[in-house]
């Protein structure tokens, strides 16, 4: 009877890594003031909050639905207007379409900067520039989504089959011709799927942008909290949940059809 192979004992490095991770989690626990006991002790405040929140106020349903449509508009325009910028930077930030090292590095750096700045920070910047309202939210999503989607598209391009690219390169095709005739057609379904995913994310992000004055239903939620009208807040949240579920289901359906 063949005995199973003996298992190797964990290396000292593995124990060191585990110890470091445990230490980091302990520091994180202390640094964030994480306290389950405080949550248990605050049950009365939670009970008062829930008591003031239910039943929801149906009187603001019409206003809530109008603001939800604005939130959808913000997410839609923020996604659509970022497409040309994300596509250009994505092509320039992919090694398979940009042989020039300087162009590649600069494009990657631009995408990293746009991606690293949260959309909420962009919203605060544009609120000071163009004032309160949905326009600031659209601009914030355009800038942030350009960074995220450009990075995703660039990585998708780099994973394409090298065969067609090399055939065109041997035939003397330029980088733009290789991108247009070999890379983009091969990766188009994946790019559309990523675009729909980002639309789903941006609709939810536009809700948060409303909390900082960028319009939409998030702005109504913020106003309800400031006025301690938690029953109105719950109405707005219910509408948000329905909108997010509908957008998520439609996006998932289209992605399945593309697959």
C-alpha atoms as a PDB file:
ATOM      1  CA  UNK A   1       0.000   0.000   0.000  1.00  0.00           C
ATOM      2  CA  UNK A   2       1.399   3.367  -1.068  1.00  0.00           C
ATOM      3  CA  UNK A   3       1.594   5.779   1.805  1.00  0.00           C
ATOM      4  CA  UNK A   4       0.530   9.358   1.155  1.00  0.00           C
ATOM      5  CA  UNK A   5       3.354  11.840   0.703  1.00  0.00           C
ATOM      6  CA  UNK A   6       4.454  13.506   3.889  1.00  0.00           C
ATOM      7  CA  UNK A   7       3.387  17.108   4.267  1.00  0.00           C
ATOM      8  CA  UNK A   8       6.089  19.688   4.487  1.00  0.00           C
ATOM      9  CA  UNK A   9       6.275  21.621   7.712  1.00  0.00           C
ATOM     10  CA  UNK A  10       5.467  25.324   7.382  1.00  0.00           C
ATOM     11  CA  UNK A  11       8.560  27.428   6.856  1.00  0.00           C
ATOM     12  CA  UNK A  12       9.644  30.023   9.433  1.00  0.00           C
ATOM     13  CA  UNK A  13       8.731  32.710   6.900  1.00  0.00           C
ATOM     14  CA  UNK A  14       5.101  31.560   6.963  1.00  0.00           C
ATOM     15  CA  UNK A  15       4.972  31.969  10.754  1.00  0.00           C
ATOM     16  CA  UNK A  16       6.538  35.417  10.455  1.00  0.00           C
ATOM     17  CA  UNK A  17       3.949  36.495   7.860  1.00  0.00           C
ATOM     18  CA  UNK A  18       1.089  35.204  10.020  1.00  0.00           C
ATOM     19  CA  UNK A  19       2.473  36.986  13.089  1.00  0.00           C
ATOM     20  CA  UNK A  20       2.823  40.253  11.140  1.00  0.00           C
ATOM     21  CA  UNK A  21      -0.758  39.985   9.826  1.00  0.00           C
ATOM     22  CA  UNK A  22      -2.079  39.341  13.325  1.00  0.00           C
ATOM     23  CA  UNK A  23      -0.129  42.331  14.628  1.00  0.00           C
ATOM     24  CA  UNK A  24      -1.499  44.590  11.880  1.00  0.00           C
ATOM     25  CA  UNK A  25      -5.060  43.479  12.667  1.00  0.00           C
ATOM     26  CA  UNK A  26      -4.515  44.220  16.355  1.00  0.00           C
ATOM     27  CA  UNK A  27      -3.250  47.695  15.522  1.00  0.00           C
ATOM     28  CA  UNK A  28      -6.200  48.221  13.159  1.00  0.00           C
ATOM     29  CA  UNK A  29      -8.629  47.112  15.910  1.00  0.00           C
ATOM     30  CA  UNK A  30      -7.130  49.634  18.322  1.00  0.00           C
ATOM     31  CA  UNK A  31      -6.738  52.401  15.767  1.00  0.00           C
ATOM     32  CA  UNK A  32     -10.366  52.261  14.623  1.00  0.00           C
ATOM     33  CA  UNK A  33     -11.798  51.977  18.120  1.00  0.00           C
ATOM     34  CA  UNK A  34     -13.636  48.819  17.093  1.00  0.00           C
ATOM     35  CA  UNK A  35     -15.910  47.922  20.006  1.00  0.00           C
ATOM     36  CA  UNK A  36     -18.803  45.441  19.753  1.00  0.00           C
ATOM     37  CA  UNK A  37     -19.676  46.382  23.331  1.00  0.00           C
ATOM     38  CA  UNK A  38     -20.335  49.988  22.337  1.00  0.00           C
ATOM     39  CA  UNK A  39     -22.702  48.752  19.618  1.00  0.00           C
ATOM     40  CA  UNK A  40     -24.608  46.631  22.128  1.00  0.00           C
ATOM     41  CA  UNK A  41     -24.792  49.502  24.617  1.00  0.00           C
ATOM     42  CA  UNK A  42     -26.190  51.807  21.931  1.00  0.00           C
ATOM     43  CA  UNK A  43     -29.295  49.717  21.290  1.00  0.00           C
ATOM     44  CA  UNK A  44     -31.559  52.411  22.744  1.00  0.00           C
ATOM     45  CA  UNK A  45     -30.344  54.956  20.212  1.00  0.00           C
ATOM     46  CA  UNK A  46     -30.915  52.462  17.408  1.00  0.00           C
ATOM     47  CA  UNK A  47     -34.391  51.716  18.727  1.00  0.00           C
ATOM     48  CA  UNK A  48     -35.256  55.446  18.796  1.00  0.00           C
ATOM     49  CA  UNK A  49     -33.912  55.823  15.253  1.00  0.00           C
ATOM     50  CA  UNK A  50     -36.026  52.948  13.937  1.00  0.00           C
ATOM     51  CA  UNK A  51     -39.081  54.264  15.787  1.00  0.00           C
ATOM     52  CA  UNK A  52     -38.724  57.622  14.019  1.00  0.00           C
ATOM     53  CA  UNK A  53     -38.053  55.989  10.661  1.00  0.00           C
ATOM     54  CA  UNK A  54     -41.136  53.791  10.359  1.00  0.00           C
ATOM     55  CA  UNK A  55     -43.582  53.917   8.786  1.00  0.00           C
ATOM     56  CA  UNK A  56     -42.007  55.653   5.766  1.00  0.00           C
ATOM     57  CA  UNK A  57     -43.544  58.947   4.654  1.00  0.00           C
ATOM     58  CA  UNK A  58     -45.369  58.375   1.326  1.00  0.00           C
ATOM     59  CA  UNK A  59     -45.884  62.110   0.897  1.00  0.00           C
ATOM     60  CA  UNK A  60     -42.393  62.554  -0.547  1.00  0.00           C
ATOM     61  CA  UNK A  61     -42.630  59.636  -2.975  1.00  0.00           C
ATOM     62  CA  UNK A  62     -43.158  61.833  -6.033  1.00  0.00           C
ATOM     63  CA  UNK A  63     -40.204  64.062  -5.164  1.00  0.00           C
ATOM     64  CA  UNK A  64     -38.138  60.966  -4.444  1.00  0.00           C
ATOM     65  CA  UNK A  65     -38.910  59.403  -7.831  1.00  0.00           C
ATOM     66  CA  UNK A  66     -37.998  62.626  -9.661  1.00  0.00           C
ATOM     67  CA  UNK A  67     -34.681  62.778  -7.802  1.00  0.00           C
ATOM     68  CA  UNK A  68     -34.061  59.087  -8.560  1.00  0.00           C
ATOM     69  CA  UNK A  69     -34.389  59.857 -12.276  1.00  0.00           C
ATOM     70  CA  UNK A  70     -31.826  62.652 -11.880  1.00  0.00           C
ATOM     71  CA  UNK A  71     -29.528  60.169 -10.119  1.00  0.00           C
ATOM     72  CA  UNK A  72     -29.863  57.816 -13.088  1.00  0.00           C
ATOM     73  CA  UNK A  73     -29.079  60.684 -15.447  1.00  0.00           C
ATOM     74  CA  UNK A  74     -25.929  61.524 -13.468  1.00  0.00           C
ATOM     75  CA  UNK A  75     -24.706  57.929 -13.623  1.00  0.00           C
ATOM     76  CA  UNK A  76     -25.568  57.611 -17.316  1.00  0.00           C
ATOM     77  CA  UNK A  77     -23.896  60.835 -18.478  1.00  0.00           C
ATOM     78  CA  UNK A  78     -20.913  60.300 -16.195  1.00  0.00           C
ATOM     79  CA  UNK A  79     -20.366  56.909 -17.823  1.00  0.00           C
ATOM     80  CA  UNK A  80     -21.091  57.928 -21.420  1.00  0.00           C
ATOM     81  CA  UNK A  81     -18.967  61.090 -21.464  1.00  0.00           C
ATOM     82  CA  UNK A  82     -15.991  59.215 -20.021  1.00  0.00           C
ATOM     83  CA  UNK A  83     -15.944  56.659 -22.874  1.00  0.00           C
ATOM     84  CA  UNK A  84     -13.822  58.621 -25.418  1.00  0.00           C
ATOM     85  CA  UNK A  85     -11.268  59.691 -22.790  1.00  0.00           C
ATOM     86  CA  UNK A  86     -11.062  56.194 -21.294  1.00  0.00           C
ATOM     87  CA  UNK A  87     -10.707  54.638 -24.756  1.00  0.00           C
ATOM     88  CA  UNK A  88      -7.887  56.948 -25.838  1.00  0.00           C
ATOM     89  CA  UNK A  89      -5.980  56.600 -22.571  1.00  0.00           C
ATOM     90  CA  UNK A  90      -6.694  52.855 -22.462  1.00  0.00           C
ATOM     91  CA  UNK A  91      -5.160  52.335 -25.922  1.00  0.00           C
ATOM     92  CA  UNK A  92      -2.149  54.470 -25.004  1.00  0.00           C
ATOM     93  CA  UNK A  93      -1.754  52.650 -21.656  1.00  0.00           C
ATOM     94  CA  UNK A  94      -1.635  49.155 -23.197  1.00  0.00           C
ATOM     95  CA  UNK A  95       1.763  47.772 -24.216  1.00  0.00           C
ATOM     96  CA  UNK A  96       0.259  45.855 -27.135  1.00  0.00           C
ATOM     97  CA  UNK A  97      -0.895  49.083 -28.812  1.00  0.00           C
ATOM     98  CA  UNK A  98       1.725  51.563 -27.551  1.00  0.00           C
ATOM     99  CA  UNK A  99       5.326  50.550 -28.161  1.00  0.00           C
ATOM    100  CA  UNK A 100       6.641  53.943 -27.041  1.00  0.00           C
ATOM    101  CA  UNK A 101       7.684  53.624 -23.385  1.00  0.00           C
ATOM    102  CA  UNK A 102       7.201  57.314 -22.550  1.00  0.00           C
ATOM    103  CA  UNK A 103       3.671  57.422 -23.951  1.00  0.00           C
ATOM    104  CA  UNK A 104       2.830  54.220 -22.103  1.00  0.00           C
ATOM    105  CA  UNK A 105       4.143  55.459 -18.749  1.00  0.00           C
ATOM    106  CA  UNK A 106       2.520  58.899 -19.026  1.00  0.00           C
ATOM    107  CA  UNK A 107      -0.862  57.383 -19.932  1.00  0.00           C
ATOM    108  CA  UNK A 108      -0.604  54.916 -17.056  1.00  0.00           C
ATOM    109  CA  UNK A 109       0.247  57.744 -14.677  1.00  0.00           C
ATOM    110  CA  UNK A 110      -2.747  59.826 -15.784  1.00  0.00           C
ATOM    111  CA  UNK A 111      -5.076  56.870 -15.273  1.00  0.00           C
ATOM    112  CA  UNK A 112      -3.560  56.192 -11.853  1.00  0.00           C
ATOM    113  CA  UNK A 113      -4.090  59.796 -10.746  1.00  0.00           C
ATOM    114  CA  UNK A 114      -7.700  59.890 -11.949  1.00  0.00           C
ATOM    115  CA  UNK A 115      -8.396  56.518 -10.373  1.00  0.00           C
ATOM    116  CA  UNK A 116      -6.766  57.324  -7.044  1.00  0.00           C
ATOM    117  CA  UNK A 117      -8.841  60.474  -6.420  1.00  0.00           C
ATOM    118  CA  UNK A 118     -12.288  59.388  -5.128  1.00  0.00           C
ATOM    119  CA  UNK A 119     -15.319  60.591  -7.041  1.00  0.00           C
ATOM    120  CA  UNK A 120     -16.552  62.309  -3.863  1.00  0.00           C
ATOM    121  CA  UNK A 121     -13.414  64.490  -3.833  1.00  0.00           C
ATOM    122  CA  UNK A 122     -13.954  65.340  -7.498  1.00  0.00           C
ATOM    123  CA  UNK A 123     -17.564  66.240  -6.638  1.00  0.00           C
ATOM    124  CA  UNK A 124     -16.452  68.598  -3.876  1.00  0.00           C
ATOM    125  CA  UNK A 125     -14.004  70.261  -6.278  1.00  0.00           C
ATOM    126  CA  UNK A 126     -16.601  70.728  -9.008  1.00  0.00           C
ATOM    127  CA  UNK A 127     -19.278  71.908  -6.558  1.00  0.00           C
ATOM    128  CA  UNK A 128     -16.981  74.826  -5.733  1.00  0.00           C
ATOM    129  CA  UNK A 129     -16.465  75.435  -9.461  1.00  0.00           C
ATOM    130  CA  UNK A 130     -19.973  75.086 -10.936  1.00  0.00           C
ATOM    131  CA  UNK A 131     -22.130  75.188  -7.807  1.00  0.00           C
ATOM    132  CA  UNK A 132     -24.509  72.684  -6.267  1.00  0.00           C
ATOM    133  CA  UNK A 133     -26.417  70.377  -8.576  1.00  0.00           C
ATOM    134  CA  UNK A 134     -26.199  67.368 -10.865  1.00  0.00           C
ATOM    135  CA  UNK A 135     -23.677  68.946 -13.258  1.00  0.00           C
ATOM    136  CA  UNK A 136     -20.976  68.711 -10.607  1.00  0.00           C
ATOM    137  CA  UNK A 137     -21.840  65.041 -10.111  1.00  0.00           C
ATOM    138  CA  UNK A 138     -21.580  64.301 -13.831  1.00  0.00           C
ATOM    139  CA  UNK A 139     -18.160  65.958 -14.028  1.00  0.00           C
ATOM    140  CA  UNK A 140     -16.945  64.041 -10.980  1.00  0.00           C
ATOM    141  CA  UNK A 141     -17.977  60.707 -12.480  1.00  0.00           C
ATOM    142  CA  UNK A 142     -16.451  61.557 -15.869  1.00  0.00           C
ATOM    143  CA  UNK A 143     -13.027  62.188 -14.344  1.00  0.00           C
ATOM    144  CA  UNK A 144     -13.016  59.261 -11.918  1.00  0.00           C
ATOM    145  CA  UNK A 145     -14.595  56.787 -14.323  1.00  0.00           C
ATOM    146  CA  UNK A 146     -12.071  57.689 -17.010  1.00  0.00           C
ATOM    147  CA  UNK A 147      -9.305  56.500 -14.723  1.00  0.00           C
ATOM    148  CA  UNK A 148     -11.048  53.288 -13.660  1.00  0.00           C
ATOM    149  CA  UNK A 149     -12.450  52.275 -17.035  1.00  0.00           C
ATOM    150  CA  UNK A 150      -9.290  53.228 -18.925  1.00  0.00           C
ATOM    151  CA  UNK A 151      -7.278  50.938 -16.643  1.00  0.00           C
ATOM    152  CA  UNK A 152      -9.732  48.056 -17.052  1.00  0.00           C
ATOM    153  CA  UNK A 153      -9.824  48.434 -20.821  1.00  0.00           C
ATOM    154  CA  UNK A 154      -6.019  48.651 -21.062  1.00  0.00           C
ATOM    155  CA  UNK A 155      -5.646  45.406 -19.124  1.00  0.00           C
ATOM    156  CA  UNK A 156      -8.260  43.734 -21.322  1.00  0.00           C
ATOM    157  CA  UNK A 157      -6.344  44.792 -24.441  1.00  0.00           C
ATOM    158  CA  UNK A 158      -3.103  43.338 -23.095  1.00  0.00           C
ATOM    159  CA  UNK A 159      -4.766  39.928 -22.680  1.00  0.00           C
ATOM    160  CA  UNK A 160      -5.771  39.604 -26.349  1.00  0.00           C
ATOM    161  CA  UNK A 161      -4.376  36.898 -28.642  1.00  0.00           C
ATOM    162  CA  UNK A 162      -0.973  38.055 -29.949  1.00  0.00           C
ATOM    163  CA  UNK A 163      -1.373  36.192 -33.270  1.00  0.00           C
ATOM    164  CA  UNK A 164      -3.425  38.778 -35.207  1.00  0.00           C
ATOM    165  CA  UNK A 165      -1.341  41.611 -33.762  1.00  0.00           C
ATOM    166  CA  UNK A 166       1.931  40.057 -34.880  1.00  0.00           C
ATOM    167  CA  UNK A 167       0.530  39.303 -38.337  1.00  0.00           C
ATOM    168  CA  UNK A 168      -0.399  42.947 -38.853  1.00  0.00           C
ATOM    169  CA  UNK A 169       2.891  44.154 -37.393  1.00  0.00           C
ATOM    170  CA  UNK A 170       4.860  41.937 -39.797  1.00  0.00           C
ATOM    171  CA  UNK A 171       2.753  43.322 -42.660  1.00  0.00           C
ATOM    172  CA  UNK A 172       3.901  46.823 -41.693  1.00  0.00           C
ATOM    173  CA  UNK A 173       0.756  48.062 -39.922  1.00  0.00           C
ATOM    174  CA  UNK A 174       1.054  51.025 -37.564  1.00  0.00           C
ATOM    175  CA  UNK A 175       0.109  50.939 -33.904  1.00  0.00           C
ATOM    176  CA  UNK A 176      -3.202  52.651 -34.639  1.00  0.00           C
ATOM    177  CA  UNK A 177      -4.011  50.127 -37.379  1.00  0.00           C
ATOM    178  CA  UNK A 178      -3.162  47.215 -35.077  1.00  0.00           C
ATOM    179  CA  UNK A 179      -5.390  48.650 -32.367  1.00  0.00           C
ATOM    180  CA  UNK A 180      -8.312  49.278 -34.754  1.00  0.00           C
ATOM    181  CA  UNK A 181      -8.154  46.003 -36.699  1.00  0.00           C
ATOM    182  CA  UNK A 182      -6.816  43.418 -34.238  1.00  0.00           C
ATOM    183  CA  UNK A 183      -7.037  44.521 -30.616  1.00  0.00           C
ATOM    184  CA  UNK A 184     -10.323  46.424 -30.344  1.00  0.00           C
ATOM    185  CA  UNK A 185     -12.473  43.947 -32.338  1.00  0.00           C
ATOM    186  CA  UNK A 186     -11.173  41.065 -30.211  1.00  0.00           C
ATOM    187  CA  UNK A 187     -11.815  42.801 -26.908  1.00  0.00           C
ATOM    188  CA  UNK A 188     -15.021  44.679 -27.777  1.00  0.00           C
ATOM    189  CA  UNK A 189     -17.471  42.312 -25.979  1.00  0.00           C
ATOM    190  CA  UNK A 190     -15.350  42.441 -22.831  1.00  0.00           C
ATOM    191  CA  UNK A 191     -15.137  46.226 -23.050  1.00  0.00           C
ATOM    192  CA  UNK A 192     -18.914  46.524 -23.328  1.00  0.00           C
ATOM    193  CA  UNK A 193     -19.339  44.219 -20.340  1.00  0.00           C
ATOM    194  CA  UNK A 194     -16.942  46.343 -18.281  1.00  0.00           C
ATOM    195  CA  UNK A 195     -18.756  49.482 -19.422  1.00  0.00           C
ATOM    196  CA  UNK A 196     -22.097  48.118 -18.207  1.00  0.00           C
ATOM    197  CA  UNK A 197     -20.508  47.133 -14.925  1.00  0.00           C
ATOM    198  CA  UNK A 198     -19.182  50.662 -14.488  1.00  0.00           C
ATOM    199  CA  UNK A 199     -22.619  52.097 -15.323  1.00  0.00           C
ATOM    200  CA  UNK A 200     -24.054  49.997 -12.512  1.00  0.00           C
ATOM    201  CA  UNK A 201     -21.360  51.255 -10.134  1.00  0.00           C
ATOM    202  CA  UNK A 202     -21.734  54.876 -11.235  1.00  0.00           C
ATOM    203  CA  UNK A 203     -25.475  54.895 -10.597  1.00  0.00           C
ATOM    204  CA  UNK A 204     -24.755  53.875  -7.010  1.00  0.00           C
ATOM    205  CA  UNK A 205     -21.889  56.345  -6.767  1.00  0.00           C
ATOM    206  CA  UNK A 206     -24.134  59.179  -7.923  1.00  0.00           C
ATOM    207  CA  UNK A 207     -26.231  58.548  -4.806  1.00  0.00           C
ATOM    208  CA  UNK A 208     -23.206  59.227  -2.592  1.00  0.00           C
ATOM    209  CA  UNK A 209     -22.279  62.291  -4.634  1.00  0.00           C
ATOM    210  CA  UNK A 210     -25.674  63.757  -3.812  1.00  0.00           C
ATOM    211  CA  UNK A 211     -24.704  63.743  -0.135  1.00  0.00           C
ATOM    212  CA  UNK A 212     -22.042  66.374  -0.863  1.00  0.00           C
ATOM    213  CA  UNK A 213     -24.350  68.589  -2.917  1.00  0.00           C
ATOM    214  CA  UNK A 214     -24.056  67.016  -6.365  1.00  0.00           C
ATOM    215  CA  UNK A 215     -27.816  66.612  -6.787  1.00  0.00           C
ATOM    216  CA  UNK A 216     -30.025  63.567  -7.153  1.00  0.00           C
ATOM    217  CA  UNK A 217     -31.724  61.532  -4.502  1.00  0.00           C
ATOM    218  CA  UNK A 218     -28.626  61.533  -2.310  1.00  0.00           C
ATOM    219  CA  UNK A 219     -29.196  65.249  -1.769  1.00  0.00           C
ATOM    220  CA  UNK A 220     -32.738  64.538  -0.512  1.00  0.00           C
ATOM    221  CA  UNK A 221     -31.431  61.856   1.847  1.00  0.00           C
ATOM    222  CA  UNK A 222     -28.921  64.326   3.252  1.00  0.00           C
ATOM    223  CA  UNK A 223     -31.624  66.964   3.730  1.00  0.00           C
ATOM    224  CA  UNK A 224     -33.905  64.468   5.480  1.00  0.00           C
ATOM    225  CA  UNK A 225     -31.140  63.518   7.907  1.00  0.00           C
ATOM    226  CA  UNK A 226     -30.370  67.168   8.681  1.00  0.00           C
ATOM    227  CA  UNK A 227     -34.058  67.823   9.386  1.00  0.00           C
ATOM    228  CA  UNK A 228     -34.369  64.612  11.465  1.00  0.00           C
ATOM    229  CA  UNK A 229     -37.112  63.423   9.097  1.00  0.00           C
ATOM    230  CA  UNK A 230     -35.998  59.814   9.167  1.00  0.00           C
ATOM    231  CA  UNK A 231     -39.370  58.634   7.844  1.00  0.00           C
ATOM    232  CA  UNK A 232     -38.716  60.618   4.659  1.00  0.00           C
ATOM    233  CA  UNK A 233     -35.168  59.267   4.556  1.00  0.00           C
ATOM    234  CA  UNK A 234     -36.478  55.685   4.589  1.00  0.00           C
ATOM    235  CA  UNK A 235     -38.803  56.491   1.677  1.00  0.00           C
ATOM    236  CA  UNK A 236     -35.865  57.802  -0.326  1.00  0.00           C
ATOM    237  CA  UNK A 237     -33.759  54.747   0.572  1.00  0.00           C
ATOM    238  CA  UNK A 238     -36.518  52.370  -0.548  1.00  0.00           C
ATOM    239  CA  UNK A 239     -36.649  54.143  -3.912  1.00  0.00           C
ATOM    240  CA  UNK A 240     -32.848  53.925  -4.161  1.00  0.00           C
ATOM    241  CA  UNK A 241     -32.912  50.179  -3.476  1.00  0.00           C
ATOM    242  CA  UNK A 242     -35.523  49.620  -6.179  1.00  0.00           C
ATOM    243  CA  UNK A 243     -33.584  51.710  -8.708  1.00  0.00           C
ATOM    244  CA  UNK A 244     -30.293  49.921  -7.960  1.00  0.00           C
ATOM    245  CA  UNK A 245     -31.927  46.485  -8.230  1.00  0.00           C
ATOM    246  CA  UNK A 246     -33.545  47.352 -11.574  1.00  0.00           C
ATOM    247  CA  UNK A 247     -30.302  48.744 -13.021  1.00  0.00           C
ATOM    248  CA  UNK A 248     -28.340  45.758 -11.726  1.00  0.00           C
ATOM    249  CA  UNK A 249     -30.759  43.267 -13.272  1.00  0.00           C
ATOM    250  CA  UNK A 250     -30.819  45.060 -16.635  1.00  0.00           C
ATOM    251  CA  UNK A 251     -27.029  45.308 -16.680  1.00  0.00           C
ATOM    252  CA  UNK A 252     -26.646  41.624 -15.785  1.00  0.00           C
ATOM    253  CA  UNK A 253     -29.124  40.633 -18.502  1.00  0.00           C
ATOM    254  CA  UNK A 254     -27.236  42.580 -21.181  1.00  0.00           C
ATOM    255  CA  UNK A 255     -23.901  41.128 -20.040  1.00  0.00           C
ATOM    256  CA  UNK A 256     -25.340  37.611 -20.251  1.00  0.00           C
ATOM    257  CA  UNK A 257     -26.584  38.276 -23.760  1.00  0.00           C
ATOM    258  CA  UNK A 258     -23.157  39.570 -24.785  1.00  0.00           C
ATOM    259  CA  UNK A 259     -21.476  36.487 -23.301  1.00  0.00           C
END
